[in-house]
Amino acid sequence: MIERIEQTKIMHRIVKANGMVFLGGLVADDFDLDMAGQTRQICAKIDALLAQAGSSKEKIVSAQLFVVDMAAKDQMNLAWTEWLAPEHLPARATIGVASLGAPLVKIEAVITAMT
């Protein structure tokens, strides 16, 4: 069974299937923040969405982080490792991209977790 939660024009914020939770298209709300600030806002969104889905950050198995400035990756990593305990770090890929749509979006996250 597939459960879709919180529909937008182009997607659902949360999709649950076979004991997994899928989150996609997560960006910060305040695009004036630096990479670390935008990452922290995304992490807070992940916490809220996973809680809504009956999961938590400790159950994240995979993360794909799309960034427009790989030179700011250290800032992203700092915020990421402040948020996640070392024993709960998921498999992760950081992918450099030319653009994420809005000109000031620095990072977008795609998350897969267990329920």
N, C-alpha and C. Protein backbone atom coordinates (compact mmCIF):
# COMPACT_ATOMS: atom_id res chain seq x y z
N MET A 1 0.83 -1.18 0.00
CA MET A 1 0.00 0.00 0.00
C MET A 1 0.88 1.25 0.00
N ILE A 2 0.47 2.24 -0.74
CA ILE A 2 1.17 3.52 -0.79
C ILE A 2 0.30 4.58 -0.14
N GLU A 3 0.89 5.35 0.77
CA GLU A 3 0.18 6.45 1.41
C GLU A 3 0.89 7.74 1.04
N ARG A 4 0.14 8.69 0.53
CA ARG A 4 0.69 9.98 0.12
C ARG A 4 0.14 11.06 1.05
N ILE A 5 1.03 11.88 1.58
CA ILE A 5 0.65 12.88 2.59
C ILE A 5 1.13 14.26 2.15
N GLU A 6 0.28 15.24 2.33
CA GLU A 6 0.60 16.65 2.10
C GLU A 6 0.92 16.95 0.63
N GLN A 7 -0.12 16.98 -0.17
CA GLN A 7 0.03 17.21 -1.61
C GLN A 7 0.34 18.67 -1.93
N THR A 8 1.26 18.85 -2.89
CA THR A 8 1.53 20.17 -3.45
C THR A 8 1.08 20.12 -4.92
N LYS A 9 1.36 21.17 -5.69
CA LYS A 9 1.00 21.18 -7.11
C LYS A 9 1.72 20.09 -7.89
N ILE A 10 2.95 19.74 -7.48
CA ILE A 10 3.78 18.84 -8.28
C ILE A 10 4.17 17.53 -7.61
N MET A 11 3.85 17.37 -6.32
CA MET A 11 4.29 16.17 -5.61
C MET A 11 3.56 16.06 -4.27
N HIS A 12 3.87 15.01 -3.53
CA HIS A 12 3.47 14.88 -2.13
C HIS A 12 4.74 15.07 -1.29
N ARG A 13 4.63 15.77 -0.20
CA ARG A 13 5.80 15.99 0.66
C ARG A 13 6.30 14.67 1.25
N ILE A 14 5.36 13.78 1.57
CA ILE A 14 5.69 12.49 2.19
C ILE A 14 5.01 11.38 1.38
N VAL A 15 5.77 10.34 1.07
CA VAL A 15 5.20 9.13 0.49
C VAL A 15 5.69 7.97 1.34
N LYS A 16 4.74 7.15 1.82
CA LYS A 16 5.07 5.98 2.62
C LYS A 16 4.71 4.73 1.82
N ALA A 17 5.63 3.76 1.79
CA ALA A 17 5.39 2.51 1.08
C ALA A 17 6.28 1.41 1.65
N ASN A 18 5.70 0.27 1.93
CA ASN A 18 6.47 -0.90 2.37
C ASN A 18 7.44 -0.60 3.52
N GLY A 19 6.99 0.13 4.51
CA GLY A 19 7.83 0.42 5.68
C GLY A 19 8.87 1.50 5.45
N MET A 20 8.79 2.18 4.32
CA MET A 20 9.75 3.24 3.99
C MET A 20 9.02 4.58 3.90
N VAL A 21 9.77 5.65 4.18
CA VAL A 21 9.27 7.02 4.07
C VAL A 21 10.18 7.74 3.08
N PHE A 22 9.57 8.41 2.12
CA PHE A 22 10.31 9.15 1.09
C PHE A 22 9.95 10.63 1.19
N LEU A 23 10.98 11.47 1.30
CA LEU A 23 10.81 12.92 1.32
C LEU A 23 11.63 13.49 0.19
N GLY A 24 11.07 14.43 -0.55
CA GLY A 24 11.82 15.02 -1.66
C GLY A 24 11.56 16.50 -1.81
N GLY A 25 12.48 17.15 -2.50
CA GLY A 25 12.30 18.57 -2.81
C GLY A 25 12.35 19.48 -1.62
N LEU A 26 13.14 19.13 -0.60
CA LEU A 26 13.20 19.93 0.62
C LEU A 26 14.22 21.05 0.47
N VAL A 27 13.75 22.28 0.57
CA VAL A 27 14.61 23.46 0.53
C VAL A 27 14.31 24.33 1.73
N ALA A 28 15.20 25.25 2.02
CA ALA A 28 15.00 26.18 3.14
C ALA A 28 13.87 27.16 2.83
N ASP A 29 13.38 27.80 3.86
CA ASP A 29 12.37 28.85 3.70
C ASP A 29 13.03 30.22 3.54
N ASP A 30 14.19 30.39 4.16
CA ASP A 30 14.89 31.68 4.13
C ASP A 30 16.11 31.55 3.21
N PHE A 31 15.97 32.02 1.98
CA PHE A 31 17.04 31.89 1.00
C PHE A 31 18.18 32.88 1.22
N ASP A 32 18.03 33.81 2.15
CA ASP A 32 19.11 34.74 2.46
C ASP A 32 20.16 34.12 3.37
N LEU A 33 19.85 32.96 3.96
CA LEU A 33 20.80 32.28 4.83
C LEU A 33 21.96 31.70 4.03
N ASP A 34 23.09 31.52 4.70
CA ASP A 34 24.23 30.85 4.05
C ASP A 34 23.94 29.35 3.98
N MET A 35 24.89 28.59 3.46
CA MET A 35 24.71 27.15 3.27
C MET A 35 24.38 26.45 4.59
N ALA A 36 25.09 26.78 5.65
CA ALA A 36 24.84 26.14 6.95
C ALA A 36 23.43 26.47 7.44
N GLY A 37 23.02 27.71 7.30
CA GLY A 37 21.69 28.11 7.73
C GLY A 37 20.59 27.43 6.95
N GLN A 38 20.75 27.35 5.62
CA GLN A 38 19.75 26.66 4.81
C GLN A 38 19.71 25.17 5.16
N THR A 39 20.87 24.59 5.41
CA THR A 39 20.92 23.17 5.79
C THR A 39 20.20 22.95 7.11
N ARG A 40 20.41 23.83 8.08
CA ARG A 40 19.72 23.70 9.37
C ARG A 40 18.20 23.78 9.20
N GLN A 41 17.74 24.69 8.35
CA GLN A 41 16.30 24.79 8.13
C GLN A 41 15.75 23.52 7.48
N ILE A 42 16.48 22.97 6.54
CA ILE A 42 16.05 21.72 5.90
C ILE A 42 16.01 20.59 6.93
N CYS A 43 17.01 20.53 7.80
CA CYS A 43 17.04 19.48 8.82
C CYS A 43 15.82 19.59 9.74
N ALA A 44 15.43 20.80 10.09
CA ALA A 44 14.23 21.00 10.91
C ALA A 44 12.99 20.51 10.16
N LYS A 45 12.92 20.78 8.86
CA LYS A 45 11.80 20.29 8.06
C LYS A 45 11.78 18.76 8.02
N ILE A 46 12.96 18.16 7.88
CA ILE A 46 13.05 16.69 7.86
C ILE A 46 12.51 16.14 9.17
N ASP A 47 12.92 16.72 10.30
CA ASP A 47 12.42 16.28 11.61
C ASP A 47 10.90 16.30 11.65
N ALA A 48 10.31 17.42 11.23
CA ALA A 48 8.85 17.58 11.28
C ALA A 48 8.14 16.60 10.35
N LEU A 49 8.63 16.46 9.14
CA LEU A 49 7.97 15.57 8.18
C LEU A 49 8.11 14.10 8.60
N LEU A 50 9.27 13.73 9.09
CA LEU A 50 9.44 12.34 9.54
C LEU A 50 8.54 12.05 10.74
N ALA A 51 8.41 13.00 11.65
CA ALA A 51 7.51 12.81 12.80
C ALA A 51 6.07 12.63 12.31
N GLN A 52 5.68 13.44 11.34
CA GLN A 52 4.34 13.33 10.76
C GLN A 52 4.11 11.96 10.13
N ALA A 53 5.18 11.36 9.62
CA ALA A 53 5.10 10.05 8.97
C ALA A 53 5.31 8.89 9.96
N GLY A 54 5.52 9.21 11.24
CA GLY A 54 5.75 8.16 12.24
C GLY A 54 7.17 7.64 12.24
N SER A 55 8.12 8.49 11.87
CA SER A 55 9.53 8.10 11.81
C SER A 55 10.36 9.15 12.53
N SER A 56 11.68 9.07 12.37
CA SER A 56 12.58 10.04 12.99
C SER A 56 13.92 10.04 12.25
N LYS A 57 14.74 11.03 12.55
CA LYS A 57 16.03 11.15 11.86
C LYS A 57 16.94 9.95 12.13
N GLU A 58 16.74 9.26 13.24
CA GLU A 58 17.55 8.08 13.54
C GLU A 58 17.25 6.93 12.58
N LYS A 59 16.15 7.04 11.84
CA LYS A 59 15.74 5.98 10.91
C LYS A 59 16.03 6.33 9.45
N ILE A 60 16.76 7.42 9.22
CA ILE A 60 17.13 7.78 7.85
C ILE A 60 18.17 6.77 7.34
N VAL A 61 17.91 6.22 6.16
CA VAL A 61 18.85 5.26 5.58
C VAL A 61 19.64 5.86 4.42
N SER A 62 19.08 6.87 3.77
CA SER A 62 19.74 7.45 2.60
C SER A 62 19.40 8.93 2.46
N ALA A 63 20.38 9.71 2.03
CA ALA A 63 20.17 11.13 1.77
C ALA A 63 20.91 11.53 0.50
N GLN A 64 20.24 12.29 -0.32
CA GLN A 64 20.87 12.90 -1.49
C GLN A 64 20.76 14.41 -1.31
N LEU A 65 21.90 15.08 -1.29
CA LEU A 65 21.94 16.51 -1.07
C LEU A 65 22.47 17.18 -2.34
N PHE A 66 21.66 18.01 -2.94
CA PHE A 66 22.01 18.72 -4.17
C PHE A 66 22.42 20.13 -3.78
N VAL A 67 23.64 20.54 -4.17
CA VAL A 67 24.15 21.86 -3.79
C VAL A 67 24.66 22.60 -5.02
N VAL A 68 24.49 23.92 -4.99
CA VAL A 68 24.93 24.73 -6.12
C VAL A 68 26.37 25.22 -5.97
N ASP A 69 26.93 25.14 -4.77
CA ASP A 69 28.29 25.61 -4.53
C ASP A 69 29.05 24.58 -3.71
N MET A 70 29.81 23.74 -4.38
CA MET A 70 30.57 22.70 -3.67
C MET A 70 31.63 23.29 -2.74
N ALA A 71 32.01 24.54 -2.97
CA ALA A 71 32.96 25.19 -2.07
C ALA A 71 32.35 25.42 -0.69
N ALA A 72 31.02 25.39 -0.59
CA ALA A 72 30.33 25.58 0.69
C ALA A 72 29.97 24.24 1.34
N LYS A 73 30.50 23.15 0.83
CA LYS A 73 30.17 21.83 1.35
C LYS A 73 30.56 21.68 2.82
N ASP A 74 31.66 22.29 3.24
CA ASP A 74 32.07 22.21 4.64
C ASP A 74 31.01 22.82 5.56
N GLN A 75 30.39 23.94 5.14
CA GLN A 75 29.31 24.55 5.93
C GLN A 75 28.13 23.60 6.04
N MET A 76 27.78 22.96 4.92
CA MET A 76 26.69 21.99 4.91
C MET A 76 27.00 20.83 5.84
N ASN A 77 28.22 20.30 5.75
CA ASN A 77 28.62 19.17 6.59
C ASN A 77 28.58 19.53 8.07
N LEU A 78 28.97 20.75 8.41
CA LEU A 78 28.93 21.20 9.80
C LEU A 78 27.51 21.14 10.34
N ALA A 79 26.56 21.72 9.62
CA ALA A 79 25.16 21.71 10.06
C ALA A 79 24.61 20.29 10.09
N TRP A 80 24.96 19.48 9.10
CA TRP A 80 24.49 18.10 9.01
C TRP A 80 24.95 17.27 10.21
N THR A 81 26.24 17.40 10.56
CA THR A 81 26.79 16.60 11.65
C THR A 81 26.41 17.16 13.02
N GLU A 82 26.02 18.42 13.10
CA GLU A 82 25.45 18.95 14.34
C GLU A 82 24.07 18.32 14.58
N TRP A 83 23.36 18.06 13.51
CA TRP A 83 21.99 17.56 13.58
C TRP A 83 21.93 16.05 13.80
N LEU A 84 22.79 15.29 13.17
CA LEU A 84 22.77 13.83 13.25
C LEU A 84 23.91 13.30 14.10
N ALA A 85 23.58 12.39 14.99
CA ALA A 85 24.61 11.72 15.78
C ALA A 85 25.44 10.82 14.87
N PRO A 86 26.73 10.65 15.16
CA PRO A 86 27.59 9.84 14.30
C PRO A 86 27.07 8.43 14.05
N GLU A 87 26.43 7.83 15.05
CA GLU A 87 25.94 6.46 14.88
C GLU A 87 24.68 6.38 14.01
N HIS A 88 24.10 7.53 13.67
CA HIS A 88 22.89 7.54 12.85
C HIS A 88 23.10 8.17 11.47
N LEU A 89 24.35 8.38 11.08
CA LEU A 89 24.61 8.95 9.76
C LEU A 89 24.15 7.97 8.68
N PRO A 90 23.36 8.44 7.70
CA PRO A 90 22.89 7.55 6.64
C PRO A 90 23.90 7.45 5.51
N ALA A 91 23.63 6.56 4.57
CA ALA A 91 24.35 6.60 3.30
C ALA A 91 23.99 7.94 2.67
N ARG A 92 24.96 8.62 2.06
CA ARG A 92 24.70 9.96 1.56
C ARG A 92 25.52 10.27 0.32
N ALA A 93 24.89 11.02 -0.57
CA ALA A 93 25.61 11.55 -1.72
C ALA A 93 25.37 13.05 -1.76
N THR A 94 26.43 13.80 -2.05
CA THR A 94 26.31 15.23 -2.26
C THR A 94 26.61 15.48 -3.73
N ILE A 95 25.64 16.07 -4.42
CA ILE A 95 25.74 16.24 -5.86
C ILE A 95 25.76 17.73 -6.19
N GLY A 96 26.79 18.16 -6.91
CA GLY A 96 26.87 19.55 -7.34
C GLY A 96 25.99 19.77 -8.56
N VAL A 97 25.20 20.83 -8.53
CA VAL A 97 24.30 21.16 -9.64
C VAL A 97 24.47 22.63 -10.01
N ALA A 98 24.10 22.98 -11.22
CA ALA A 98 24.23 24.35 -11.69
C ALA A 98 23.19 25.27 -11.07
N SER A 99 21.99 24.74 -10.84
CA SER A 99 20.90 25.57 -10.33
C SER A 99 19.86 24.69 -9.66
N LEU A 100 19.15 25.27 -8.68
CA LEU A 100 18.04 24.59 -8.03
C LEU A 100 16.75 25.38 -8.21
N GLY A 101 16.63 26.07 -9.32
CA GLY A 101 15.43 26.85 -9.60
C GLY A 101 15.57 28.28 -9.16
N ALA A 102 15.08 28.59 -7.98
CA ALA A 102 15.20 29.95 -7.45
C ALA A 102 16.68 30.29 -7.26
N PRO A 103 17.09 31.49 -7.64
CA PRO A 103 18.53 31.81 -7.66
C PRO A 103 19.25 31.73 -6.31
N LEU A 104 18.54 31.88 -5.20
CA LEU A 104 19.21 31.87 -3.90
C LEU A 104 19.11 30.54 -3.16
N VAL A 105 18.49 29.54 -3.79
CA VAL A 105 18.43 28.21 -3.17
C VAL A 105 19.81 27.58 -3.28
N LYS A 106 20.39 27.25 -2.14
CA LYS A 106 21.75 26.70 -2.11
C LYS A 106 21.79 25.18 -2.00
N ILE A 107 20.72 24.59 -1.45
CA ILE A 107 20.70 23.15 -1.19
C ILE A 107 19.29 22.61 -1.26
N GLU A 108 19.15 21.39 -1.77
CA GLU A 108 17.88 20.67 -1.79
C GLU A 108 18.17 19.25 -1.34
N ALA A 109 17.26 18.69 -0.53
CA ALA A 109 17.48 17.35 0.03
C ALA A 109 16.40 16.37 -0.40
N VAL A 110 16.82 15.13 -0.60
CA VAL A 110 15.94 13.99 -0.85
C VAL A 110 16.31 12.95 0.21
N ILE A 111 15.32 12.50 0.97
CA ILE A 111 15.56 11.64 2.13
C ILE A 111 14.73 10.36 2.02
N THR A 112 15.34 9.23 2.41
CA THR A 112 14.63 7.96 2.53
C THR A 112 14.87 7.43 3.95
N ALA A 113 13.78 7.07 4.61
CA ALA A 113 13.88 6.57 5.99
C ALA A 113 12.95 5.37 6.17
N MET A 114 13.16 4.66 7.25
CA MET A 114 12.26 3.58 7.66
C MET A 114 11.15 4.18 8.52
N THR A 115 10.02 3.51 8.55
CA THR A 115 8.93 3.98 9.44
C THR A 115 9.17 3.49 10.85
